[in-house]
């Protein structure tokens, strides 16, 4: 299976695309075409044409993990759970990178 090279990273409600700075830099260094969007969330709900993944933060104190699971299910997303707080892109950047790499290899 071919690797997906174009990666669009979408932030959550309480963060913006800059939370992906460390991750985007690493993906670019690995040869991916990666971008973190700065769109309002309302414009993204109907634009998903590719497989999507959702990282559930199991120790999130802002958005209950149960709600995260529900949102991921409604999106039809593959779910990955990280033992992190609300912003795993910063606190668990290397683990988030691994999820992105796995997603890109699954096409």
Protein backbone atom coordinates (compact mmCIF):
# COMPACT_ATOMS: atom_id res chain seq x y z
CA UNK A 1 0.00 0.00 0.00
CA UNK A 2 1.29 3.47 -0.85
CA UNK A 3 1.97 6.01 1.83
CA UNK A 4 -0.25 9.08 1.91
CA UNK A 5 2.04 12.10 1.60
CA UNK A 6 -0.44 14.98 1.93
CA UNK A 7 -1.48 15.50 5.54
CA UNK A 8 -3.93 18.11 6.82
CA UNK A 9 -3.89 18.56 10.59
CA UNK A 10 -7.05 19.97 12.14
CA UNK A 11 -6.98 21.55 15.57
CA UNK A 12 -9.55 21.17 18.28
CA UNK A 13 -11.91 23.78 19.62
CA UNK A 14 -9.61 25.24 22.29
CA UNK A 15 -6.39 25.30 20.29
CA UNK A 16 -5.24 26.58 16.95
CA UNK A 17 -2.96 25.25 14.24
CA UNK A 18 0.14 26.47 16.06
CA UNK A 19 -0.25 23.57 18.50
CA UNK A 20 1.04 21.40 15.64
CA UNK A 21 4.25 23.42 15.05
CA UNK A 22 6.62 20.75 16.38
CA UNK A 23 4.74 17.96 14.62
CA UNK A 24 4.48 19.78 11.28
CA UNK A 25 8.22 20.52 11.28
CA UNK A 26 9.04 16.85 11.83
CA UNK A 27 6.60 15.68 9.14
CA UNK A 28 8.08 18.15 6.63
CA UNK A 29 11.57 16.89 7.48
CA UNK A 30 10.36 13.34 6.76
CA UNK A 31 9.15 14.35 3.29
CA UNK A 32 5.43 14.73 3.96
CA UNK A 33 3.44 17.68 2.62
CA UNK A 34 1.88 18.70 5.93
CA UNK A 35 -0.13 21.72 6.93
CA UNK A 36 -2.02 22.69 10.07
CA UNK A 37 -5.14 24.62 9.08
CA UNK A 38 -6.39 27.75 10.80
CA UNK A 39 -10.03 27.32 9.77
CA UNK A 40 -13.06 27.77 11.98
CA UNK A 41 -14.34 24.34 12.95
CA UNK A 42 -17.74 24.94 11.41
CA UNK A 43 -16.24 24.90 7.90
CA UNK A 44 -14.57 21.51 8.25
CA UNK A 45 -17.43 19.19 9.16
CA UNK A 46 -18.59 18.54 5.60
CA UNK A 47 -15.19 18.70 3.88
CA UNK A 48 -13.74 15.34 4.88
CA UNK A 49 -13.22 13.13 1.84
CA UNK A 50 -10.30 11.07 3.11
CA UNK A 51 -10.10 8.62 6.00
CA UNK A 52 -9.90 10.48 9.29
CA UNK A 53 -8.45 9.65 12.65
CA UNK A 54 -9.29 11.00 16.09
CA UNK A 55 -6.96 11.03 19.09
CA UNK A 56 -8.91 10.71 22.33
CA UNK A 57 -7.15 12.29 25.30
CA UNK A 58 -8.06 9.96 28.15
CA UNK A 59 -7.00 12.40 30.89
CA UNK A 60 -8.62 15.47 29.34
CA UNK A 61 -10.20 17.73 31.96
CA UNK A 62 -11.77 20.10 29.39
CA UNK A 63 -13.60 17.67 27.09
CA UNK A 64 -14.69 14.38 28.68
CA UNK A 65 -13.24 11.32 26.91
CA UNK A 66 -16.77 9.92 26.54
CA UNK A 67 -17.73 12.95 24.45
CA UNK A 68 -14.55 12.58 22.39
CA UNK A 69 -15.44 8.96 21.63
CA UNK A 70 -18.95 10.04 20.62
CA UNK A 71 -17.61 12.74 18.28
CA UNK A 72 -15.13 10.32 16.71
CA UNK A 73 -17.88 7.78 16.12
CA UNK A 74 -20.10 10.40 14.47
CA UNK A 75 -17.19 11.32 12.17
CA UNK A 76 -16.56 7.69 11.32
CA UNK A 77 -12.99 8.16 12.50
CA UNK A 78 -10.49 5.54 13.57
CA UNK A 79 -9.91 6.20 17.25
CA UNK A 80 -6.56 6.14 19.06
CA UNK A 81 -6.38 6.76 22.81
CA UNK A 82 -3.46 8.60 24.40
CA UNK A 83 -3.04 9.02 28.15
CA UNK A 84 -2.77 12.78 27.83
CA UNK A 85 -4.48 15.96 28.85
CA UNK A 86 -6.29 18.32 26.52
CA UNK A 87 -3.51 19.17 24.05
CA UNK A 88 -1.60 15.99 23.15
CA UNK A 89 -0.03 17.76 20.16
CA UNK A 90 2.15 19.58 22.67
CA UNK A 91 2.41 17.21 25.65
CA UNK A 92 2.71 13.98 23.60
CA UNK A 93 4.04 15.22 20.26
CA UNK A 94 6.08 12.09 19.51
CA UNK A 95 3.06 9.83 20.12
CA UNK A 96 0.88 12.03 17.92
CA UNK A 97 3.56 11.77 15.21
CA UNK A 98 3.38 7.98 15.42
CA UNK A 99 -0.40 8.07 14.96
CA UNK A 100 0.00 10.33 11.91
CA UNK A 101 2.66 8.05 10.43
CA UNK A 102 0.42 5.01 10.97
CA UNK A 103 -2.52 6.80 9.35
CA UNK A 104 -0.42 7.81 6.33
CA UNK A 105 0.72 4.24 5.79
CA UNK A 106 -2.80 2.83 5.93
CA UNK A 107 -4.07 5.09 3.18
